[in-house]
C-alpha atoms as a PDB file:
ATOM      1  CA  MET A   1       8.977  28.868  33.163  1.00  0.00           C
ATOM      2  CA  LYS A   2       7.286  26.287  30.939  1.00  0.00           C
ATOM      3  CA  THR A   3       3.955  28.151  31.271  1.00  0.00           C
ATOM      4  CA  ILE A   4       5.643  31.375  30.110  1.00  0.00           C
ATOM      5  CA  LEU A   5       7.256  29.513  27.205  1.00  0.00           C
ATOM      6  CA  ILE A   6       3.957  28.009  26.072  1.00  0.00           C
ATOM      7  CA  ALA A   7       2.196  31.382  26.334  1.00  0.00           C
ATOM      8  CA  SER A   8       4.885  33.021  24.215  1.00  0.00           C
ATOM      9  CA  ILE A   9       4.622  30.258  21.604  1.00  0.00           C
ATOM     10  CA  VAL A  10       0.841  30.639  21.378  1.00  0.00           C
ATOM     11  CA  GLY A  11       1.227  34.397  20.988  1.00  0.00           C
ATOM     12  CA  PHE A  12       3.823  33.966  18.265  1.00  0.00           C
ATOM     13  CA  LEU A  13       1.617  31.446  16.444  1.00  0.00           C
ATOM     14  CA  ALA A  14      -1.288  33.873  16.484  1.00  0.00           C
ATOM     15  CA  ALA A  15       0.900  36.378  14.671  1.00  0.00           C
ATOM     16  CA  GLN A  16       1.804  33.878  11.956  1.00  0.00           C
ATOM     17  CA  ALA A  17      -1.252  34.336   9.745  1.00  0.00           C
ATOM     18  CA  GLY A  18      -1.330  31.739   7.002  1.00  0.00           C
ATOM     19  CA  ALA A  19       1.584  29.735   8.423  1.00  0.00           C
ATOM     20  CA  GLN A  20       1.126  25.968   8.328  1.00  0.00           C
ATOM     21  CA  CYS A  21       1.713  25.559  12.048  1.00  0.00           C
ATOM     22  CA  PRO A  22      -0.517  24.051  14.743  1.00  0.00           C
ATOM     23  CA  ALA A  23      -2.638  26.140  17.100  1.00  0.00           C
ATOM     24  CA  GLY A  24      -0.008  25.613  19.807  1.00  0.00           C
ATOM     25  CA  PRO A  25       1.385  22.938  22.129  1.00  0.00           C
ATOM     26  CA  GLY A  26      -1.201  20.420  23.258  1.00  0.00           C
ATOM     27  CA  ASN A  27      -2.354  16.834  23.631  1.00  0.00           C
ATOM     28  CA  TRP A  28      -5.360  15.336  21.879  1.00  0.00           C
ATOM     29  CA  ASN A  29      -6.797  11.840  22.260  1.00  0.00           C
ATOM     30  CA  LEU A  30      -9.026  10.597  19.452  1.00  0.00           C
ATOM     31  CA  THR A  31     -11.000   7.418  18.881  1.00  0.00           C
ATOM     32  CA  GLY A  32     -12.332   5.854  15.732  1.00  0.00           C
ATOM     33  CA  GLY A  33      -9.898   4.563  13.163  1.00  0.00           C
ATOM     34  CA  ARG A  34      -8.748   1.598  11.157  1.00  0.00           C
ATOM     35  CA  SER A  35      -5.353   0.302  10.087  1.00  0.00           C
ATOM     36  CA  SER A  36      -3.699  -2.336   7.956  1.00  0.00           C
ATOM     37  CA  GLU A  37      -0.401  -4.142   7.528  1.00  0.00           C
ATOM     38  CA  SER A  38       0.225  -5.349   3.984  1.00  0.00           C
ATOM     39  CA  PHE A  39       2.270  -8.547   3.776  1.00  0.00           C
ATOM     40  CA  CYS A  40       4.747  -7.648   1.001  1.00  0.00           C
ATOM     41  CA  GLU A  41       7.042 -10.197  -0.609  1.00  0.00           C
ATOM     42  CA  LEU A  42      10.560  -8.729  -0.741  1.00  0.00           C
ATOM     43  CA  ASP A  43      13.467 -10.321  -2.628  1.00  0.00           C
ATOM     44  CA  GLY A  44      11.773 -13.684  -2.625  1.00  0.00           C
ATOM     45  CA  GLU A  45      11.245 -13.744   1.136  1.00  0.00           C
ATOM     46  CA  PRO A  46       7.895 -15.071   2.422  1.00  0.00           C
ATOM     47  CA  ALA A  47       5.107 -12.514   2.819  1.00  0.00           C
ATOM     48  CA  VAL A  48       4.405 -12.663   6.558  1.00  0.00           C
ATOM     49  CA  ARG A  49       3.586 -10.355   9.468  1.00  0.00           C
ATOM     50  CA  GLY A  50       6.470  -8.075  10.460  1.00  0.00           C
ATOM     51  CA  ALA A  51       8.569  -8.880   7.381  1.00  0.00           C
ATOM     52  CA  PRO A  52      10.922  -6.262   5.895  1.00  0.00           C
ATOM     53  CA  GLY A  53       9.075  -4.031   3.440  1.00  0.00           C
ATOM     54  CA  ASN A  54       5.598  -4.631   4.854  1.00  0.00           C
ATOM     55  CA  ILE A  55       3.447  -1.490   4.582  1.00  0.00           C
ATOM     56  CA  LEU A  56       1.561   0.041   7.527  1.00  0.00           C
ATOM     57  CA  GLU A  57      -1.322   2.480   7.149  1.00  0.00           C
ATOM     58  CA  PHE A  58      -3.606   4.185   9.696  1.00  0.00           C
ATOM     59  CA  GLN A  59      -6.740   6.206   8.902  1.00  0.00           C
ATOM     60  CA  SER A  60      -9.594   7.810  10.789  1.00  0.00           C
ATOM     61  CA  TRP A  61     -13.023   6.202  10.439  1.00  0.00           C
ATOM     62  CA  ASP A  62     -16.283   8.085  11.057  1.00  0.00           C
ATOM     63  CA  GLY A  63     -18.639   5.201  10.300  1.00  0.00           C
ATOM     64  CA  SER A  64     -18.835   5.872   6.590  1.00  0.00           C
ATOM     65  CA  SER A  65     -15.522   7.302   5.321  1.00  0.00           C
ATOM     66  CA  LEU A  66     -11.833   6.612   5.854  1.00  0.00           C
ATOM     67  CA  GLY A  67      -9.147   9.239   6.326  1.00  0.00           C
ATOM     68  CA  LEU A  68     -11.203  12.437   6.540  1.00  0.00           C
ATOM     69  CA  GLN A  69      -9.821  13.559   9.919  1.00  0.00           C
ATOM     70  CA  TRP A  70      -6.341  12.037   9.987  1.00  0.00           C
ATOM     71  CA  ARG A  71      -4.103   9.663   8.068  1.00  0.00           C
ATOM     72  CA  ILE A  72      -0.639   8.103   8.564  1.00  0.00           C
ATOM     73  CA  GLN A  73       0.586   6.136   5.556  1.00  0.00           C
ATOM     74  CA  ASP A  74       3.451   4.816   3.394  1.00  0.00           C
ATOM     75  CA  LEU A  75       5.340   3.349   6.357  1.00  0.00           C
ATOM     76  CA  ARG A  76       7.449   0.263   5.779  1.00  0.00           C
ATOM     77  CA  ILE A  77       8.988  -2.229   8.188  1.00  0.00           C
ATOM     78  CA  ASP A  78      12.752  -1.665   7.918  1.00  0.00           C
ATOM     79  CA  ASP A  79      15.256  -4.118   6.470  1.00  0.00           C
ATOM     80  CA  ASN A  80      15.765  -5.887   9.802  1.00  0.00           C
ATOM     81  CA  GLY A  81      12.134  -6.919  10.071  1.00  0.00           C
ATOM     82  CA  ALA A  82      10.431  -7.720  13.362  1.00  0.00           C
ATOM     83  CA  GLU A  83      12.415  -8.878  16.385  1.00  0.00           C
ATOM     84  CA  LEU A  84      10.939 -11.396  18.819  1.00  0.00           C
ATOM     85  CA  LEU A  85      11.425  -9.790  22.235  1.00  0.00           C
ATOM     86  CA  PHE A  86       9.606 -12.242  24.462  1.00  0.00           C
ATOM     87  CA  GLU A  87       7.835 -15.588  24.228  1.00  0.00           C
ATOM     88  CA  GLU A  88       5.993 -17.581  26.855  1.00  0.00           C
ATOM     89  CA  ILE A  89       4.039 -20.597  25.602  1.00  0.00           C
ATOM     90  CA  ASN A  90       3.134 -23.614  27.740  1.00  0.00           C
ATOM     91  CA  GLU A  91       3.039 -27.298  26.809  1.00  0.00           C
ATOM     92  CA  ASN A  92      -0.527 -26.922  25.504  1.00  0.00           C
ATOM     93  CA  GLY A  93       0.541 -24.276  23.014  1.00  0.00           C
ATOM     94  CA  ASP A  94      -1.097 -21.410  24.936  1.00  0.00           C
ATOM     95  CA  GLY A  95       0.681 -18.158  25.691  1.00  0.00           C
ATOM     96  CA  TYR A  96       1.881 -15.016  24.018  1.00  0.00           C
ATOM     97  CA  ARG A  97       4.724 -13.410  22.081  1.00  0.00           C
ATOM     98  CA  ILE A  98       5.896  -9.812  21.875  1.00  0.00           C
ATOM     99  CA  TYR A  99       7.536  -8.388  18.753  1.00  0.00           C
ATOM    100  CA  HIS A 100       9.096  -5.022  17.914  1.00  0.00           C
ATOM    101  CA  ALA A 101      10.105  -3.428  14.603  1.00  0.00           C
ATOM    102  CA  TRP A 102      11.384  -0.097  13.331  1.00  0.00           C
ATOM    103  CA  CYS A 103       9.740   1.592  10.360  1.00  0.00           C
ATOM    104  CA  THR A 104      11.065   3.759   7.543  1.00  0.00           C
ATOM    105  CA  GLY A 105       9.408   6.375   5.350  1.00  0.00           C
ATOM    106  CA  GLY A 106       5.881   7.515   6.065  1.00  0.00           C
ATOM    107  CA  ARG A 107       3.843  10.700   5.923  1.00  0.00           C
ATOM    108  CA  TYR A 108       0.743  12.018   7.662  1.00  0.00           C
ATOM    109  CA  ARG A 109      -2.113  14.468   7.293  1.00  0.00           C
ATOM    110  CA  LEU A 110      -4.303  16.120   9.949  1.00  0.00           C
ATOM    111  CA  ALA A 111      -7.401  17.831   8.573  1.00  0.00           C
ATOM    112  CA  PRO A 112      -8.182  21.485   9.420  1.00  0.00           C
ATOM    113  CA  GLY A 113     -11.132  22.442  11.589  1.00  0.00           C
ATOM    114  CA  TRP A 114      -9.997  20.499  14.669  1.00  0.00           C
ATOM    115  CA  PRO A 115      -8.392  21.712  17.945  1.00  0.00           C
ATOM    116  CA  TRP A 116      -4.841  21.454  16.541  1.00  0.00           C
ATOM    117  CA  SER A 117      -5.683  23.803  13.642  1.00  0.00           C
ATOM    118  CA  ALA A 118      -4.495  27.396  13.453  1.00  0.00           C
ATOM    119  CA  GLY A 119      -6.139  28.123  10.111  1.00  0.00           C
ATOM    120  CA  PRO A 120      -7.735  26.612   6.996  1.00  0.00           C
ATOM    121  CA  GLU A 121      -4.679  24.573   5.992  1.00  0.00           C
ATOM    122  CA  ASP A 122      -4.146  20.969   7.011  1.00  0.00           C
ATOM    123  CA  LEU A 123      -1.086  19.851   8.963  1.00  0.00           C
ATOM    124  CA  HIS A 124       1.105  17.400   7.079  1.00  0.00           C
ATOM    125  CA  GLY A 125       4.677  16.214   6.833  1.00  0.00           C
ATOM    126  CA  GLN A 126       7.141  13.346   6.775  1.00  0.00           C
ATOM    127  CA  VAL A 127       7.714  10.811   9.531  1.00  0.00           C
ATOM    128  CA  ILE A 128      11.141  11.205  11.163  1.00  0.00           C
ATOM    129  CA  SER A 129      11.189   7.988  13.203  1.00  0.00           C
ATOM    130  CA  ALA A 130       8.619   5.285  13.860  1.00  0.00           C
ATOM    131  CA  GLU A 131       8.315   1.939  15.594  1.00  0.00           C
ATOM    132  CA  VAL A 132       5.707  -0.702  16.158  1.00  0.00           C
ATOM    133  CA  ALA A 133       5.277  -3.433  18.769  1.00  0.00           C
ATOM    134  CA  TRP A 134       2.612  -6.067  19.120  1.00  0.00           C
ATOM    135  CA  SER A 135       1.584  -8.771  21.566  1.00  0.00           C
ATOM    136  CA  GLU A 136       0.219 -11.994  20.071  1.00  0.00           C
ATOM    137  CA  THR A 137      -2.176 -14.284  21.925  1.00  0.00           C
ATOM    138  CA  ILE A 138      -1.507 -17.945  21.066  1.00  0.00           C
ATOM    139  CA  LEU A 139      -3.998 -20.770  21.703  1.00  0.00           C
ATOM    140  CA  ASN A 140      -3.201 -24.360  20.776  1.00  0.00           C
ATOM    141  CA  TRP A 141      -0.110 -23.095  18.905  1.00  0.00           C
ATOM    142  CA  LYS A 142      -2.213 -20.775  16.708  1.00  0.00           C
ATOM    143  CA  LEU A 143      -2.399 -16.992  16.650  1.00  0.00           C
ATOM    144  CA  VAL A 144      -5.947 -15.923  17.533  1.00  0.00           C
ATOM    145  CA  TYR A 145      -5.577 -12.255  18.465  1.00  0.00           C
ATOM    146  CA  TYR A 146      -3.054  -9.474  18.871  1.00  0.00           C
ATOM    147  CA  PHE A 147      -2.702  -5.959  20.261  1.00  0.00           C
ATOM    148  CA  HIS A 148      -0.782  -3.467  18.116  1.00  0.00           C
ATOM    149  CA  ASP A 149       1.005  -0.346  19.367  1.00  0.00           C
ATOM    150  CA  PHE A 150       2.575   2.240  17.032  1.00  0.00           C
ATOM    151  CA  SER A 151       4.562   5.389  17.850  1.00  0.00           C
ATOM    152  CA  ALA A 152       6.048   8.013  15.539  1.00  0.00           C
ATOM    153  CA  LEU A 153       7.735  11.392  15.524  1.00  0.00           C
ATOM    154  CA  ALA A 154       7.125  13.577  12.464  1.00  0.00           C
ATOM    155  CA  GLY A 155       7.916  17.034  11.148  1.00  0.00           C
ATOM    156  CA  ILE A 156       5.280  19.652  10.313  1.00  0.00           C
ATOM    157  CA  GLU A 157       5.897  20.806   6.757  1.00  0.00           C
ATOM    158  CA  GLY A 158       5.775  24.558   6.217  1.00  0.00           C
ATOM    159  CA  CYS A 159       6.180  25.372   9.932  1.00  0.00           C
ATOM    160  CA  SER A 160       9.488  26.982  10.919  1.00  0.00           C
ATOM    161  CA  ILE A 161       8.763  27.605  14.617  1.00  0.00           C
ATOM    162  CA  PRO A 162      11.225  25.272  16.380  1.00  0.00           C
ATOM    163  CA  GLN A 163       9.101  24.610  19.479  1.00  0.00           C
ATOM    164  CA  VAL A 164       6.100  23.307  17.507  1.00  0.00           C
ATOM    165  CA  ASP A 165       7.518  22.022  14.220  1.00  0.00           C
ATOM    166  CA  THR A 166       7.324  18.361  15.263  1.00  0.00           C
ATOM    167  CA  ILE A 167       4.434  16.145  16.277  1.00  0.00           C
ATOM    168  CA  GLU A 168       4.228  12.821  18.122  1.00  0.00           C
ATOM    169  CA  PHE A 169       1.704  10.073  17.359  1.00  0.00           C
ATOM    170  CA  HIS A 170       0.748   7.055  19.453  1.00  0.00           C
ATOM    171  CA  VAL A 171      -1.754   4.613  17.931  1.00  0.00           C
ATOM    172  CA  SER A 172      -3.203   1.538  19.665  1.00  0.00           C
ATOM    173  CA  SER A 173      -5.063  -1.008  17.555  1.00  0.00           C
ATOM    174  CA  LEU A 174      -6.900  -4.286  18.103  1.00  0.00           C
ATOM    175  CA  THR A 175      -7.281  -7.232  15.755  1.00  0.00           C
ATOM    176  CA  ALA A 176     -10.165  -7.013  13.304  1.00  0.00           C
ATOM    177  CA  TRP A 177      -9.056  -9.582  10.723  1.00  0.00           C
ATOM    178  CA  ILE A 178      -6.021 -11.850  10.357  1.00  0.00           C
ATOM    179  CA  PRO A 179      -5.509 -14.442   7.601  1.00  0.00           C
ATOM    180  CA  GLU A 180      -4.881 -17.279  10.082  1.00  0.00           C
ATOM    181  CA  LEU A 181      -8.559 -17.398  11.087  1.00  0.00           C
ATOM    182  CA  GLY A 182      -9.869 -17.773   7.526  1.00  0.00           C
ATOM    183  CA  HIS A 183     -12.796 -15.367   7.946  1.00  0.00           C
ATOM    184  CA  PRO A 184     -14.186 -13.301   5.029  1.00  0.00           C
ATOM    185  CA  LEU A 185     -12.260 -10.084   4.433  1.00  0.00           C
ATOM    186  CA  PRO A 186     -14.282  -7.134   5.865  1.00  0.00           C
ATOM    187  CA  ALA A 187     -14.940  -3.929   3.918  1.00  0.00           C
ATOM    188  CA  ASP A 188     -13.957  -0.317   4.674  1.00  0.00           C
ATOM    189  CA  TYR A 189     -10.395  -0.793   5.890  1.00  0.00           C
ATOM    190  CA  PRO A 190      -7.203   0.690   4.409  1.00  0.00           C
ATOM    191  CA  SER A 191      -6.453  -1.358   1.311  1.00  0.00           C
ATOM    192  CA  PHE A 192      -3.401  -3.564   1.031  1.00  0.00           C
ATOM    193  CA  GLY A 193      -0.443  -2.011  -0.819  1.00  0.00           C
ATOM    194  CA  CYS A 194       2.547  -3.457  -2.717  1.00  0.00           C
ATOM    195  CA  MET A 195       0.162  -5.745  -4.656  1.00  0.00           C
ATOM    196  CA  ALA A 196      -0.188  -7.743  -1.437  1.00  0.00           C
ATOM    197  CA  GLY A 197      -2.806 -10.436  -1.539  1.00  0.00           C
ATOM    198  CA  THR A 198      -3.161 -10.506   2.218  1.00  0.00           C
ATOM    199  CA  GLY A 199      -2.220  -8.832   5.483  1.00  0.00           C
ATOM    200  CA  ASP A 200      -3.782  -7.775   8.776  1.00  0.00           C
ATOM    201  CA  LEU A 201      -6.688  -5.402   9.399  1.00  0.00           C
ATOM    202  CA  LEU A 202      -7.104  -3.678  12.760  1.00  0.00           C
ATOM    203  CA  ASP A 203      -9.469  -1.350  14.611  1.00  0.00           C
ATOM    204  CA  VAL A 204      -7.779   1.712  16.107  1.00  0.00           C
ATOM    205  CA  SER A 205      -8.852   1.956  19.736  1.00  0.00           C
ATOM    206  CA  SER A 206      -7.047   5.241  20.411  1.00  0.00           C
ATOM    207  CA  LEU A 207      -4.862   7.842  18.734  1.00  0.00           C
ATOM    208  CA  GLY A 208      -2.786  10.228  20.821  1.00  0.00           C
ATOM    209  CA  ILE A 209      -1.398  13.384  19.204  1.00  0.00           C
ATOM    210  CA  LYS A 210       1.143  15.477  21.086  1.00  0.00           C
ATOM    211  CA  ILE A 211       2.788  18.793  20.214  1.00  0.00           C
ATOM    212  CA  ASP A 212       5.086  19.953  22.999  1.00  0.00           C
ATOM    213  CA  PRO A 213       8.121  22.237  23.350  1.00  0.00           C
ATOM    214  CA  ILE A 214      10.069  19.310  24.819  1.00  0.00           C
ATOM    215  CA  MET A 215       9.888  16.340  22.448  1.00  0.00           C
ATOM    216  CA  PRO A 216      11.065  12.742  23.147  1.00  0.00           C
ATOM    217  CA  THR A 217      14.008  11.165  21.378  1.00  0.00           C
ATOM    218  CA  GLY A 218      11.914   8.485  19.703  1.00  0.00           C
ATOM    219  CA  GLN A 219      13.960   5.665  21.262  1.00  0.00           C
ATOM    220  CA  VAL A 220      12.295   2.833  23.142  1.00  0.00           C
ATOM    221  CA  SER A 221      13.503   0.558  25.917  1.00  0.00           C
ATOM    222  CA  TRP A 222      12.507  -3.039  26.566  1.00  0.00           C
ATOM    223  CA  SER A 223      10.801  -1.982  29.814  1.00  0.00           C
ATOM    224  CA  THR A 224       8.747   0.568  27.842  1.00  0.00           C
ATOM    225  CA  VAL A 225       7.618  -2.027  25.314  1.00  0.00           C
ATOM    226  CA  LYS A 226       6.560  -4.420  28.097  1.00  0.00           C
ATOM    227  CA  SER A 227       4.548  -1.656  29.788  1.00  0.00           C
ATOM    228  CA  TRP A 228       2.413  -1.219  26.666  1.00  0.00           C
ATOM    229  CA  PHE A 229       0.881  -4.675  27.142  1.00  0.00           C
ATOM    230  CA  ARG A 230       0.298  -4.841  30.884  1.00  0.00           C
END
């Protein structure tokens, strides 16, 4: 039944000349990207990782230019900020912590000319729900590295076909630069927003894009978060 449904959707999409809809249901895994978290001071609160109002941005990177293939931007950590879900640190100060936060706002753009495209127009829209989790590696009580995992559900603006008018993103990133280490700030990463003087810079190791007739709810369980870092 699902095969028949997908075939009918693809046929309907082909008849929608000029519509800003994707080529059809599918999954695409991309590599090559960079991201940032801007540490934004909000209502006098300290500007730190995971704080309410911090801005997240993700962009493709082809070795010379940012954002030509895809971009997810203008996301903010919600008013609750990050929640510490788990901590295990021994007497020597070595271990790890896992945090989770919900995000608000956000928009994205997928450039035309790639497998998701059904025409010359890009795919773009607003983020409906988004969350981020990260696992910090602690040595001698200091953060030295962390793994960042971001998921979002977004609408496709200009597309009115219910089965393919939403898109799911899953972005995994690895530490490239954090202020704790005191290294020189590298070039060619998404710039810090909100007049932030500092933040985190990360290398995107993978980006998963999914358009499917049956979409997830966007909710996450503690067991799901733990599975991201095994």
